[in-house]
Every structure is written in C-alpha cells, then in structure tokens.
N, C-alpha and C. Protein backbone atom coordinates (compact mmCIF):
# COMPACT_ATOMS: atom_id res chain seq x y z
N MET A 1 -14.59 11.13 14.93
CA MET A 1 -14.79 10.00 15.58
C MET A 1 -14.14 10.02 16.99
N LYS A 2 -15.04 9.61 17.94
CA LYS A 2 -14.38 9.60 19.39
C LYS A 2 -13.29 8.44 19.63
N ARG A 3 -12.67 8.40 20.57
CA ARG A 3 -11.60 7.29 20.75
C ARG A 3 -12.21 6.00 21.03
N GLU A 4 -13.33 6.05 21.92
CA GLU A 4 -13.92 4.83 22.12
C GLU A 4 -14.68 4.24 20.78
N ALA A 5 -14.90 4.99 19.96
CA ALA A 5 -15.50 4.67 18.58
C ALA A 5 -14.42 4.11 17.82
N ILE A 6 -13.31 4.57 17.95
CA ILE A 6 -12.05 4.22 17.06
C ILE A 6 -11.71 2.92 17.42
N ARG A 7 -11.56 2.51 18.78
CA ARG A 7 -11.33 1.20 19.27
C ARG A 7 -12.33 0.16 18.78
N ALA A 8 -13.71 0.52 18.83
CA ALA A 8 -14.54 -0.39 18.40
C ALA A 8 -14.72 -0.54 16.90
N PHE A 9 -14.25 0.48 16.28
CA PHE A 9 -14.04 0.27 14.69
C PHE A 9 -12.83 -0.73 14.36
N PHE A 10 -11.74 -0.62 15.03
CA PHE A 10 -10.83 -1.52 14.76
C PHE A 10 -10.94 -2.88 15.39
N GLU A 11 -11.61 -3.02 16.48
CA GLU A 11 -12.14 -4.33 16.99
C GLU A 11 -12.80 -5.19 15.94
N ARG A 12 -13.81 -4.35 15.35
CA ARG A 12 -14.78 -5.14 14.56
C ARG A 12 -14.06 -5.59 13.23
N LEU A 13 -13.23 -4.53 12.71
CA LEU A 13 -12.37 -5.08 11.35
C LEU A 13 -11.57 -6.30 11.78
N SER A 14 -10.94 -6.31 13.01
CA SER A 14 -9.93 -7.26 13.33
C SER A 14 -10.81 -8.63 13.37
N ALA A 15 -11.95 -8.64 14.10
CA ALA A 15 -12.68 -9.65 14.27
C ALA A 15 -13.12 -10.33 12.75
N ALA A 16 -13.44 -9.56 12.04
CA ALA A 16 -13.74 -10.20 10.67
C ALA A 16 -12.57 -10.47 9.99
N ASN A 17 -11.28 -10.00 9.97
CA ASN A 17 -10.15 -10.45 9.33
C ASN A 17 -9.06 -10.32 10.21
N PRO A 18 -8.79 -11.30 11.06
CA PRO A 18 -7.76 -11.23 12.01
C PRO A 18 -6.01 -11.20 11.46
N HIS A 19 -6.03 -11.57 10.20
CA HIS A 19 -4.67 -11.49 9.64
C HIS A 19 -4.76 -10.86 8.30
N PRO A 20 -4.89 -9.63 8.22
CA PRO A 20 -5.10 -8.99 6.90
C PRO A 20 -3.58 -9.17 6.09
N GLN A 21 -3.81 -9.10 4.86
CA GLN A 21 -2.58 -9.28 4.07
C GLN A 21 -2.60 -8.32 2.76
N THR A 22 -1.60 -7.96 2.04
CA THR A 22 -1.57 -7.17 0.97
C THR A 22 -2.16 -8.07 -0.23
N GLU A 23 -2.91 -7.41 -1.08
CA GLU A 23 -3.42 -8.38 -2.22
C GLU A 23 -2.30 -8.41 -3.23
N LEU A 24 -1.30 -7.59 -3.16
CA LEU A 24 -0.17 -7.71 -4.07
C LEU A 24 0.62 -9.07 -4.04
N GLU A 25 0.85 -9.86 -5.12
CA GLU A 25 1.69 -11.21 -5.10
C GLU A 25 3.06 -10.84 -5.18
N TYR A 26 3.73 -11.43 -4.36
CA TYR A 26 5.26 -11.36 -4.20
C TYR A 26 5.75 -12.67 -3.62
N ALA A 27 7.14 -12.84 -3.66
CA ALA A 27 7.71 -14.02 -2.95
C ALA A 27 9.12 -13.66 -2.40
N SER A 28 9.43 -12.29 -2.36
CA SER A 28 10.58 -11.71 -1.50
C SER A 28 10.28 -10.25 -1.14
N PRO A 29 11.11 -9.54 -0.48
CA PRO A 29 10.83 -8.14 -0.05
C PRO A 29 11.23 -7.57 -1.34
N TYR A 30 12.24 -7.83 -2.16
CA TYR A 30 12.43 -7.19 -3.28
C TYR A 30 11.36 -7.22 -4.26
N GLN A 31 10.65 -8.20 -4.47
CA GLN A 31 9.48 -8.40 -5.35
C GLN A 31 8.24 -7.49 -4.94
N LEU A 32 8.18 -7.45 -3.59
CA LEU A 32 7.15 -6.45 -3.03
C LEU A 32 7.44 -5.17 -3.31
N LEU A 33 8.58 -4.78 -3.12
CA LEU A 33 9.01 -3.33 -3.41
C LEU A 33 8.75 -2.99 -4.94
N VAL A 34 9.23 -3.87 -5.69
CA VAL A 34 8.79 -3.62 -7.25
C VAL A 34 7.22 -3.43 -7.35
N ALA A 35 6.62 -4.44 -6.76
CA ALA A 35 5.16 -4.45 -7.03
C ALA A 35 4.53 -3.07 -6.62
N VAL A 36 5.06 -2.68 -5.62
CA VAL A 36 4.57 -1.53 -4.99
C VAL A 36 4.82 -0.25 -5.84
N VAL A 37 5.79 -0.27 -6.26
CA VAL A 37 6.24 0.78 -7.22
C VAL A 37 5.48 0.74 -8.47
N LEU A 38 5.17 -0.41 -9.07
CA LEU A 38 4.44 -0.51 -10.18
C LEU A 38 2.91 -0.30 -9.92
N SER A 39 2.50 -0.37 -8.66
CA SER A 39 1.07 -0.04 -8.36
C SER A 39 0.62 1.37 -8.31
N ALA A 40 1.46 2.13 -8.62
CA ALA A 40 1.17 3.67 -8.47
C ALA A 40 0.05 4.05 -9.73
N GLN A 41 -0.94 4.49 -9.50
CA GLN A 41 -2.09 4.57 -10.40
C GLN A 41 -2.43 3.41 -11.21
N ALA A 42 -2.41 2.40 -10.31
CA ALA A 42 -2.79 1.09 -11.10
C ALA A 42 -3.40 0.21 -9.88
N THR A 43 -4.31 -0.76 -10.30
CA THR A 43 -4.97 -1.70 -9.30
C THR A 43 -4.05 -2.73 -8.98
N ASP A 44 -4.28 -3.36 -7.89
CA ASP A 44 -3.32 -4.58 -7.43
C ASP A 44 -3.71 -5.60 -8.50
N LYS A 45 -4.87 -5.86 -8.70
CA LYS A 45 -5.09 -6.82 -9.83
C LYS A 45 -4.15 -6.79 -11.10
N SER A 46 -4.31 -5.60 -11.69
CA SER A 46 -3.38 -5.52 -12.83
C SER A 46 -2.04 -5.41 -12.61
N VAL A 47 -1.57 -5.09 -11.61
CA VAL A 47 -0.23 -5.16 -11.33
C VAL A 47 0.21 -6.76 -11.17
N ASN A 48 -0.51 -7.60 -10.36
CA ASN A 48 -0.36 -8.84 -10.16
C ASN A 48 -0.20 -9.82 -11.69
N ILE A 49 -0.94 -9.29 -12.61
CA ILE A 49 -1.01 -9.69 -13.93
C ILE A 49 0.37 -9.68 -14.56
N ALA A 50 0.95 -8.30 -14.60
CA ALA A 50 2.09 -7.82 -15.06
C ALA A 50 3.33 -8.54 -14.17
N THR A 51 3.31 -8.52 -12.91
CA THR A 51 4.39 -9.00 -12.20
C THR A 51 4.48 -10.66 -12.23
N ARG A 52 3.43 -11.46 -12.70
CA ARG A 52 3.70 -12.91 -12.90
C ARG A 52 4.43 -12.87 -14.11
N ARG A 53 4.33 -12.19 -15.13
CA ARG A 53 5.25 -12.34 -16.28
C ARG A 53 6.65 -11.63 -15.83
N LEU A 54 6.56 -10.64 -15.35
CA LEU A 54 8.02 -9.81 -14.94
C LEU A 54 9.00 -10.89 -14.00
N PHE A 55 8.24 -11.29 -12.93
CA PHE A 55 9.10 -12.04 -12.06
C PHE A 55 9.49 -13.43 -12.40
N ALA A 56 8.61 -14.02 -13.43
CA ALA A 56 8.99 -15.21 -14.00
C ALA A 56 10.50 -14.98 -14.60
N ALA A 57 10.56 -13.93 -15.36
CA ALA A 57 11.73 -13.51 -16.10
C ALA A 57 12.95 -13.10 -15.23
N ALA A 58 12.46 -12.41 -14.16
CA ALA A 58 13.52 -11.57 -13.15
C ALA A 58 13.20 -11.51 -11.90
N PRO A 59 13.29 -12.65 -11.11
CA PRO A 59 12.76 -12.61 -9.64
C PRO A 59 13.82 -11.79 -8.80
N THR A 60 14.88 -11.52 -9.20
CA THR A 60 16.08 -10.95 -8.25
C THR A 60 16.37 -9.65 -9.00
N PRO A 61 17.07 -8.83 -8.17
CA PRO A 61 17.58 -7.51 -8.71
C PRO A 61 18.68 -7.87 -9.73
N GLU A 62 19.32 -8.89 -9.38
CA GLU A 62 20.63 -9.47 -10.37
C GLU A 62 19.99 -9.65 -11.83
N ALA A 63 18.81 -10.49 -11.79
CA ALA A 63 18.06 -10.95 -12.95
C ALA A 63 17.53 -9.64 -13.69
N MET A 64 16.83 -8.86 -12.90
CA MET A 64 16.27 -7.69 -13.38
C MET A 64 17.25 -6.60 -14.24
N ILE A 65 18.48 -6.36 -13.85
CA ILE A 65 19.43 -5.74 -14.60
C ILE A 65 19.92 -6.31 -15.81
N SER A 66 19.68 -7.72 -15.90
CA SER A 66 20.19 -8.27 -16.95
C SER A 66 19.17 -7.91 -18.24
N LEU A 67 18.00 -7.53 -18.02
CA LEU A 67 17.10 -7.28 -18.99
C LEU A 67 17.24 -5.70 -19.58
N THR A 68 16.67 -5.46 -20.66
CA THR A 68 16.76 -4.18 -21.14
C THR A 68 15.60 -3.48 -20.56
N GLU A 69 15.67 -1.85 -20.76
CA GLU A 69 14.66 -1.17 -20.29
C GLU A 69 13.11 -1.71 -21.27
N ASP A 70 13.48 -1.85 -22.56
CA ASP A 70 12.37 -2.24 -23.30
C ASP A 70 11.84 -3.61 -22.97
N GLU A 71 12.63 -4.58 -22.41
CA GLU A 71 12.20 -5.92 -22.15
C GLU A 71 11.27 -5.78 -20.80
N VAL A 72 11.50 -4.94 -19.88
CA VAL A 72 11.00 -4.84 -18.63
C VAL A 72 9.64 -4.22 -19.10
N ALA A 73 9.84 -3.10 -19.83
CA ALA A 73 8.42 -2.42 -20.33
C ALA A 73 7.42 -3.36 -21.23
N GLU A 74 8.02 -4.38 -21.80
CA GLU A 74 7.20 -5.40 -22.58
C GLU A 74 6.53 -6.09 -21.36
N HIS A 75 6.96 -6.60 -20.31
CA HIS A 75 6.43 -7.46 -19.50
C HIS A 75 5.21 -6.62 -18.52
N ILE A 76 5.34 -5.41 -18.45
CA ILE A 76 4.38 -4.62 -17.59
C ILE A 76 3.55 -3.45 -18.52
N LYS A 77 3.74 -3.91 -19.86
CA LYS A 77 2.85 -2.91 -20.73
C LYS A 77 1.44 -2.64 -20.42
N THR A 78 0.86 -3.72 -19.77
CA THR A 78 -0.62 -3.41 -19.58
C THR A 78 -1.26 -2.53 -18.33
N ILE A 79 0.03 -1.89 -17.67
CA ILE A 79 -0.29 -0.93 -16.71
C ILE A 79 -0.02 0.28 -17.03
N GLY A 80 -0.56 1.19 -16.27
CA GLY A 80 -0.35 2.79 -16.77
C GLY A 80 1.29 3.21 -16.38
N LEU A 81 1.62 4.16 -17.06
CA LEU A 81 2.98 4.71 -17.01
C LEU A 81 3.92 3.68 -17.02
N PHE A 82 3.87 2.64 -17.73
CA PHE A 82 4.69 1.50 -17.99
C PHE A 82 6.04 1.65 -18.22
N ARG A 83 6.27 2.73 -19.11
CA ARG A 83 7.68 3.06 -19.44
C ARG A 83 8.53 3.70 -18.62
N ASN A 84 7.79 4.69 -17.76
CA ASN A 84 8.67 5.20 -16.55
C ASN A 84 8.88 4.08 -15.58
N LYS A 85 7.82 3.41 -15.24
CA LYS A 85 8.07 2.29 -14.26
C LYS A 85 9.21 1.41 -14.54
N ALA A 86 9.26 0.93 -15.85
CA ALA A 86 10.43 0.08 -16.21
C ALA A 86 11.71 0.72 -15.86
N LYS A 87 11.75 2.12 -16.18
CA LYS A 87 12.97 2.64 -16.06
C LYS A 87 13.35 2.66 -14.47
N ASN A 88 12.38 2.90 -13.92
CA ASN A 88 12.53 3.13 -12.24
C ASN A 88 12.90 1.54 -11.81
N THR A 89 12.30 0.63 -12.25
CA THR A 89 12.38 -0.73 -11.54
C THR A 89 14.01 -1.04 -11.98
N LEU A 90 14.47 -0.77 -13.16
CA LEU A 90 15.82 -1.14 -13.45
C LEU A 90 16.88 -0.27 -12.69
N ALA A 91 16.45 0.94 -12.33
CA ALA A 91 17.44 1.86 -11.59
C ALA A 91 17.41 1.61 -10.21
N LEU A 92 16.24 1.16 -9.52
CA LEU A 92 16.16 0.92 -8.20
C LEU A 92 16.91 -0.36 -8.02
N SER A 93 16.75 -1.39 -8.94
CA SER A 93 17.45 -2.64 -8.76
C SER A 93 19.02 -2.58 -8.79
N ARG A 94 19.38 -1.82 -9.66
CA ARG A 94 20.89 -1.49 -9.68
C ARG A 94 21.19 -0.77 -8.21
N LEU A 95 20.48 0.34 -7.79
CA LEU A 95 20.88 0.79 -6.59
C LEU A 95 20.98 0.03 -5.50
N LEU A 96 20.00 -1.03 -5.32
CA LEU A 96 20.05 -2.03 -4.34
C LEU A 96 21.30 -2.87 -4.41
N LEU A 97 21.68 -3.15 -5.48
CA LEU A 97 22.94 -4.05 -5.77
C LEU A 97 24.10 -3.19 -5.21
N GLU A 98 24.09 -1.96 -5.74
CA GLU A 98 25.23 -1.24 -5.44
C GLU A 98 25.43 -0.70 -4.00
N ARG A 99 24.37 -0.41 -3.35
CA ARG A 99 24.33 0.17 -1.96
C ARG A 99 23.97 -0.74 -0.85
N HIS A 100 23.23 -1.71 -1.22
CA HIS A 100 22.68 -2.66 -0.10
C HIS A 100 22.82 -4.13 -0.39
N GLY A 101 23.49 -4.50 -1.16
CA GLY A 101 24.12 -5.88 -1.45
C GLY A 101 22.97 -6.62 -2.06
N GLY A 102 22.01 -6.05 -2.89
CA GLY A 102 20.91 -6.66 -3.31
C GLY A 102 19.69 -6.70 -2.42
N GLU A 103 19.92 -6.34 -1.19
CA GLU A 103 18.93 -6.60 -0.19
C GLU A 103 18.01 -5.30 0.08
N VAL A 104 16.63 -5.41 0.27
CA VAL A 104 15.88 -4.21 0.53
C VAL A 104 16.13 -3.77 1.97
N PRO A 105 16.48 -2.61 2.06
CA PRO A 105 16.89 -1.96 3.47
C PRO A 105 15.73 -1.72 4.26
N CYS A 106 15.83 -1.73 5.62
CA CYS A 106 14.85 -1.54 6.64
C CYS A 106 15.15 -0.07 7.00
N ASP A 107 14.95 0.68 6.25
CA ASP A 107 15.32 2.35 6.61
C ASP A 107 14.52 3.14 5.65
N ARG A 108 13.71 4.03 6.09
CA ARG A 108 12.86 4.95 5.24
C ARG A 108 13.76 5.62 4.44
N GLU A 109 14.69 6.31 4.90
CA GLU A 109 15.53 7.25 4.32
C GLU A 109 16.27 6.27 3.11
N ALA A 110 16.79 5.39 3.23
CA ALA A 110 17.37 4.68 2.16
C ALA A 110 16.53 4.19 1.10
N LEU A 111 15.14 3.65 1.54
CA LEU A 111 14.17 3.36 0.70
C LEU A 111 13.70 4.44 -0.17
N GLU A 112 13.60 5.75 0.39
CA GLU A 112 13.05 6.77 -0.22
C GLU A 112 13.91 7.31 -1.29
N ALA A 113 15.36 6.98 -1.10
CA ALA A 113 16.40 7.48 -1.91
C ALA A 113 16.36 6.74 -3.22
N LEU A 114 15.61 5.51 -3.28
CA LEU A 114 15.50 4.70 -4.56
C LEU A 114 14.56 5.33 -5.67
N PRO A 115 14.86 5.11 -6.91
CA PRO A 115 13.94 5.60 -7.89
C PRO A 115 12.47 5.01 -7.77
N GLY A 116 11.58 6.05 -7.93
CA GLY A 116 10.15 5.51 -7.91
C GLY A 116 9.68 5.26 -6.59
N VAL A 117 10.39 5.34 -5.41
CA VAL A 117 9.90 5.03 -4.19
C VAL A 117 9.66 6.22 -3.43
N GLY A 118 8.38 6.61 -3.03
CA GLY A 118 7.96 7.80 -2.26
C GLY A 118 7.77 7.17 -0.69
N ARG A 119 7.10 8.19 -0.05
CA ARG A 119 6.86 7.89 1.35
C ARG A 119 5.78 6.77 1.54
N LYS A 120 4.80 6.69 0.72
CA LYS A 120 3.71 5.76 0.74
C LYS A 120 4.41 4.35 0.44
N THR A 121 5.21 4.13 -0.53
CA THR A 121 5.93 2.99 -1.11
C THR A 121 6.75 2.26 0.23
N ALA A 122 7.44 3.42 0.58
CA ALA A 122 8.53 3.02 1.88
C ALA A 122 7.61 2.46 3.01
N ASN A 123 6.57 3.21 3.24
CA ASN A 123 5.69 2.64 4.48
C ASN A 123 5.07 1.28 4.32
N VAL A 124 4.76 1.09 3.10
CA VAL A 124 4.02 -0.20 2.58
C VAL A 124 5.20 -1.42 2.96
N VAL A 125 6.41 -1.18 2.32
CA VAL A 125 7.68 -2.07 2.64
C VAL A 125 7.97 -2.36 3.95
N LEU A 126 8.02 -1.05 4.92
CA LEU A 126 8.36 -1.13 6.16
C LEU A 126 7.30 -1.88 6.93
N ASN A 127 5.99 -1.77 6.66
CA ASN A 127 5.12 -2.43 7.40
C ASN A 127 4.91 -3.89 6.99
N THR A 128 4.83 -4.12 5.84
CA THR A 128 4.55 -5.41 5.14
C THR A 128 5.70 -6.38 5.42
N VAL A 129 6.94 -5.91 5.07
CA VAL A 129 7.98 -6.85 5.25
C VAL A 129 8.57 -6.80 6.61
N PHE A 130 8.82 -5.63 7.09
CA PHE A 130 9.79 -5.48 8.46
C PHE A 130 8.67 -5.43 9.52
N ARG A 131 7.34 -5.32 9.40
CA ARG A 131 6.28 -5.43 10.36
C ARG A 131 6.55 -4.14 11.43
N LEU A 132 6.98 -3.03 10.78
CA LEU A 132 7.01 -1.89 11.59
C LEU A 132 5.63 -1.18 11.61
N PRO A 133 5.12 -0.56 12.77
CA PRO A 133 3.88 0.24 13.01
C PRO A 133 3.88 1.43 12.29
N VAL A 134 3.97 1.47 10.91
CA VAL A 134 3.75 2.52 10.15
C VAL A 134 2.60 2.70 9.23
N MET A 135 2.22 3.80 8.68
CA MET A 135 0.90 4.02 8.11
C MET A 135 1.06 4.25 6.59
N ALA A 136 0.91 3.58 5.71
CA ALA A 136 1.00 3.95 4.21
C ALA A 136 -0.47 4.57 3.70
N VAL A 137 -0.58 5.76 3.39
CA VAL A 137 -1.82 6.51 3.24
C VAL A 137 -1.93 6.66 1.70
N ASP A 138 -2.78 5.71 1.17
CA ASP A 138 -3.14 5.75 -0.29
C ASP A 138 -4.53 6.26 -0.54
N THR A 139 -5.02 6.36 -1.64
CA THR A 139 -6.36 7.19 -1.88
C THR A 139 -7.44 6.37 -1.20
N HIS A 140 -7.38 5.16 -0.87
CA HIS A 140 -8.34 4.27 -0.17
C HIS A 140 -8.31 4.73 1.35
N ILE A 141 -7.03 4.86 2.01
CA ILE A 141 -6.88 5.33 3.38
C ILE A 141 -7.44 6.74 3.62
N PHE A 142 -6.89 7.44 2.63
CA PHE A 142 -7.15 9.08 2.76
C PHE A 142 -8.73 9.27 2.71
N ARG A 143 -9.48 8.47 1.77
CA ARG A 143 -10.96 8.67 1.71
C ARG A 143 -11.52 8.18 3.03
N VAL A 144 -11.21 6.93 3.34
CA VAL A 144 -11.80 6.35 4.60
C VAL A 144 -11.44 7.01 5.80
N SER A 145 -10.49 7.68 5.98
CA SER A 145 -10.05 8.37 7.18
C SER A 145 -10.79 9.86 7.15
N ASN A 146 -11.16 10.36 6.24
CA ASN A 146 -11.90 11.72 6.09
C ASN A 146 -13.24 11.29 6.26
N ARG A 147 -13.75 10.50 5.48
CA ARG A 147 -15.17 10.17 5.41
C ARG A 147 -15.78 9.69 6.52
N THR A 148 -15.06 8.77 7.28
CA THR A 148 -15.61 8.18 8.51
C THR A 148 -15.46 9.12 9.81
N GLY A 149 -14.51 10.10 9.51
CA GLY A 149 -14.13 10.90 10.71
C GLY A 149 -13.21 10.23 11.56
N LEU A 150 -12.50 9.14 10.95
CA LEU A 150 -11.49 8.71 11.88
C LEU A 150 -10.10 9.35 12.19
N ALA A 151 -9.69 9.84 10.85
CA ALA A 151 -8.50 10.85 10.99
C ALA A 151 -8.45 11.81 9.96
N PRO A 152 -9.35 12.81 9.88
CA PRO A 152 -9.28 13.76 8.88
C PRO A 152 -8.12 14.59 8.77
N GLY A 153 -7.90 14.85 7.46
CA GLY A 153 -6.74 15.76 7.16
C GLY A 153 -6.86 16.24 5.74
N LYS A 154 -5.97 17.26 5.46
CA LYS A 154 -6.13 17.98 4.12
C LYS A 154 -5.17 17.26 3.17
N ASP A 155 -4.17 16.56 3.65
CA ASP A 155 -3.26 15.78 2.54
C ASP A 155 -2.89 14.45 3.24
N VAL A 156 -2.03 13.78 2.48
CA VAL A 156 -1.83 12.23 2.85
C VAL A 156 -0.80 12.49 4.33
N VAL A 157 -0.01 13.38 4.33
CA VAL A 157 0.81 13.31 5.40
C VAL A 157 0.13 13.70 6.78
N GLU A 158 -0.84 14.71 6.67
CA GLU A 158 -1.78 15.05 7.74
C GLU A 158 -2.49 13.95 8.29
N VAL A 159 -3.02 13.14 7.39
CA VAL A 159 -3.82 12.02 7.57
C VAL A 159 -2.87 10.95 8.19
N GLU A 160 -1.87 10.72 7.64
CA GLU A 160 -0.91 9.63 8.17
C GLU A 160 -0.54 10.09 9.60
N ASN A 161 -0.28 11.38 9.91
CA ASN A 161 0.03 11.78 11.26
C ASN A 161 -1.05 11.57 12.34
N ALA A 162 -2.37 11.85 11.68
CA ALA A 162 -3.45 11.88 12.49
C ALA A 162 -3.82 10.29 12.86
N LEU A 163 -3.54 9.30 11.92
CA LEU A 163 -3.67 7.94 12.09
C LEU A 163 -2.73 7.53 13.18
N MET A 164 -1.54 7.82 13.20
CA MET A 164 -0.59 7.42 14.05
C MET A 164 -0.79 7.91 15.42
N ARG A 165 -1.50 8.90 15.62
CA ARG A 165 -2.04 9.38 17.02
C ARG A 165 -3.14 8.78 17.35
N ARG A 166 -4.20 8.37 16.45
CA ARG A 166 -5.45 8.03 16.91
C ARG A 166 -5.72 6.50 16.96
N VAL A 167 -5.05 6.03 16.06
CA VAL A 167 -5.29 4.38 16.00
C VAL A 167 -4.54 3.61 17.43
N PRO A 168 -5.33 2.91 18.07
CA PRO A 168 -4.93 2.41 19.25
C PRO A 168 -3.63 1.38 18.92
N LYS A 169 -2.65 1.50 19.80
CA LYS A 169 -1.28 0.90 19.35
C LYS A 169 -1.43 -0.46 19.32
N ASP A 170 -2.41 -1.37 19.83
CA ASP A 170 -2.61 -2.58 19.65
C ASP A 170 -3.16 -3.03 18.40
N PHE A 171 -3.58 -1.93 17.55
CA PHE A 171 -4.20 -2.22 16.13
C PHE A 171 -3.21 -1.77 15.25
N LEU A 172 -2.33 -0.90 15.37
CA LEU A 172 -1.64 -0.03 14.62
C LEU A 172 -0.81 -0.97 13.41
N LEU A 173 -0.22 -1.98 13.88
CA LEU A 173 0.54 -2.89 13.16
C LEU A 173 -0.31 -3.24 11.76
N ASP A 174 -1.48 -3.55 11.86
CA ASP A 174 -2.40 -4.09 10.76
C ASP A 174 -3.49 -3.08 10.26
N ALA A 175 -3.43 -1.99 10.76
CA ALA A 175 -4.29 -0.99 10.54
C ALA A 175 -4.33 -0.67 9.14
N HIS A 176 -3.12 -0.51 8.46
CA HIS A 176 -2.98 0.01 7.10
C HIS A 176 -3.80 -0.97 6.11
N HIS A 177 -3.64 -2.37 6.42
CA HIS A 177 -4.25 -3.29 5.40
C HIS A 177 -5.79 -3.25 5.69
N TRP A 178 -6.21 -3.09 6.92
CA TRP A 178 -7.75 -3.10 7.32
C TRP A 178 -8.35 -1.88 6.42
N LEU A 179 -7.61 -0.84 6.63
CA LEU A 179 -8.42 0.38 5.97
C LEU A 179 -8.19 0.32 4.48
N ILE A 180 -7.22 -0.18 3.94
CA ILE A 180 -7.10 -0.17 2.49
C ILE A 180 -8.37 -1.34 2.11
N LEU A 181 -8.36 -2.42 2.51
CA LEU A 181 -9.31 -3.24 2.33
C LEU A 181 -10.86 -2.89 2.56
N HIS A 182 -11.04 -2.13 3.49
CA HIS A 182 -12.42 -1.42 3.92
C HIS A 182 -12.63 -0.29 2.70
N GLY A 183 -11.75 0.33 2.24
CA GLY A 183 -12.05 1.18 1.20
C GLY A 183 -12.18 0.72 0.00
N ARG A 184 -11.37 -0.39 -0.30
CA ARG A 184 -11.48 -1.02 -1.70
C ARG A 184 -12.84 -1.67 -2.02
N TYR A 185 -13.39 -2.33 -0.75
CA TYR A 185 -14.54 -3.27 -0.95
C TYR A 185 -15.88 -2.71 -0.38
N VAL A 186 -15.81 -1.75 0.74
CA VAL A 186 -16.99 -1.38 1.41
C VAL A 186 -17.16 -0.10 1.17
N CYS A 187 -16.14 0.85 1.71
CA CYS A 187 -16.25 2.35 1.74
C CYS A 187 -15.70 2.96 0.25
N THR A 188 -16.30 2.50 -0.55
CA THR A 188 -15.86 2.76 -1.99
C THR A 188 -16.13 4.13 -2.34
N ALA A 189 -15.47 4.70 -3.53
CA ALA A 189 -15.37 6.01 -3.74
C ALA A 189 -16.61 6.55 -4.14
N ARG A 190 -17.35 5.92 -5.30
CA ARG A 190 -18.34 6.61 -5.76
C ARG A 190 -19.63 6.29 -4.88
N LYS A 191 -20.01 5.16 -4.50
CA LYS A 191 -21.14 4.88 -3.83
C LYS A 191 -20.71 3.85 -2.45
N PRO A 192 -20.45 4.21 -1.38
CA PRO A 192 -20.18 3.51 -0.40
C PRO A 192 -21.30 2.36 0.00
N LEU A 193 -20.95 1.28 0.42
CA LEU A 193 -21.84 0.31 0.86
C LEU A 193 -22.16 0.30 2.29
N CYS A 194 -22.79 1.33 2.43
CA CYS A 194 -23.09 1.61 3.92
C CYS A 194 -24.18 0.71 4.79
N ALA A 195 -24.87 0.07 3.89
CA ALA A 195 -25.89 -0.80 4.51
C ALA A 195 -25.19 -2.30 4.85
N ALA A 196 -23.94 -2.43 4.16
CA ALA A 196 -23.38 -3.52 4.33
C ALA A 196 -22.25 -3.46 5.44
N CYS A 197 -21.95 -2.28 5.64
CA CYS A 197 -20.73 -1.89 6.41
C CYS A 197 -20.90 -2.17 8.10
N GLN A 198 -19.95 -2.90 8.39
CA GLN A 198 -19.92 -3.66 9.77
C GLN A 198 -19.61 -2.41 10.89
N VAL A 199 -19.21 -1.18 10.32
CA VAL A 199 -18.65 -0.03 11.18
C VAL A 199 -19.65 1.18 11.09
N SER A 200 -20.74 1.06 10.24
CA SER A 200 -21.54 2.13 9.74
C SER A 200 -22.13 3.06 10.96
N ASP A 201 -22.37 2.19 12.01
CA ASP A 201 -22.91 3.15 13.31
C ASP A 201 -21.95 3.86 13.91
N LEU A 202 -20.75 3.69 13.61
CA LEU A 202 -19.55 4.32 14.40
C LEU A 202 -19.09 5.47 13.40
N CYS A 203 -19.35 5.32 12.12
CA CYS A 203 -19.12 6.35 11.20
C CYS A 203 -19.66 7.82 11.28
N THR A 204 -19.01 8.81 11.05
CA THR A 204 -19.76 10.11 11.12
C THR A 204 -20.14 10.65 9.87
N PHE A 205 -19.92 9.94 8.72
CA PHE A 205 -20.27 10.44 7.56
C PHE A 205 -21.83 10.77 7.30
N ARG A 206 -22.16 11.79 6.89
CA ARG A 206 -23.53 12.18 7.05
C ARG A 206 -24.48 11.69 5.88
N ASP A 207 -23.93 11.32 4.68
CA ASP A 207 -24.80 10.86 3.64
C ASP A 207 -24.49 9.48 3.27
N LYS A 208 -24.96 8.67 4.32
CA LYS A 208 -24.81 7.29 4.30
C LYS A 208 -25.71 6.79 3.19
N THR A 209 -25.36 5.86 2.38
CA THR A 209 -26.27 5.24 1.43
C THR A 209 -27.24 4.23 1.88
N ALA A 210 -28.43 3.89 1.42
CA ALA A 210 -29.26 2.83 2.07
C ALA A 210 -28.90 1.52 1.53
C-alpha cells in the first residue's frame, strides 16, 4: 500500500470512529494490565465476564494478593489457561507492590519484567493508559497489516516496526485500536467483509469477497 493510500486508510477509519477505545473493561491502570494479561488466547468478551467477578473481589493489587491462587482461578475459570493466568496475576500484583508501590509503571522494560507481560501487553498498557504512540500487534493487527498491504511482515515484531514507520504520525496514537477493531469486525480471519469495508478500494488483498 502506498503512503497516500495509507493516509486515506486512516482518515476513513478516524472519521468513522474518532475516539476508539479498547473493548476490555477496567477502572484503573492496574485492572487494564490484569485484563490484558488475561486476554491472551481469549476474547475480550470472555475476559470481561471473568474480570467483572475478579475485580469485584480484588480491584487493587493489595486486594488481589489477599486471595489464594485457587480463589483467583475460580473467578477466571471460564477463560483459557486460567490456572497459569491466576498464578501470573498474583505474581505481577506482588511485584507491583514490591517494586512500584502498587502503581503500573510507564516503562516498557519494567512492564515486561512482570510475570505474564510480554511486548504486546506492555504496548497495550503504554498506549491505552499512558497515551504513548506505540503499536501492540495482536493476531488481528498482524492479519490486517499483511492482508491489506499496509505493513507486511513475517512476524509481529517486523509488522510492529513497519507500522511505526508507515502509519502517519498524526494517526499513530489511535492506530492500534482502529486496526484491532477493523480486524475483529470487518477484516475477519475466515471471510473478510470486503463488500462492507470502507477501505476496500485502498486494500491490496487480491481475493476480496463479494
């Protein structure tokens, strides 16, 4: 996709949704961090169902570490890998208290040092909470970037770097959310809704659906 097409691509997504938001439910930076950790290999909808129960019982890291691992697991047992996620949730909560006074740090290295937090999770928190122009590449963004020709890459890091180069700076802050939502609801994995896509004419995908 050429640069003028990329600008038009984001202009249209922005016009349709000027203030995109994550679909994860949270009431604090800590809760968003936990929700993103829980969202690995799970849908936002399923995570929201689980975190409504979890955050009602433990809305803060102090409250979280008062629970046992089995109690945390019981709250989130409806999502995949819930036992390992319960372990990570308790461990990251303890480390937040020990190293950061219970606050979520605005630092990639510090975030990635927390159990269950990888580059994608760190980028989500840095972008959504701290409003930094970073790109969290999940399966939706990876697919959209490659399929449309927006920012092709062989792996998530390559796509992330390509997006950071190619997305116009004035759209970079919200590009992460626009691309996720586009991949989730329009440029879907099995059968993209090309006929209903507002950027279909800009996309370089050859096998567009009717």
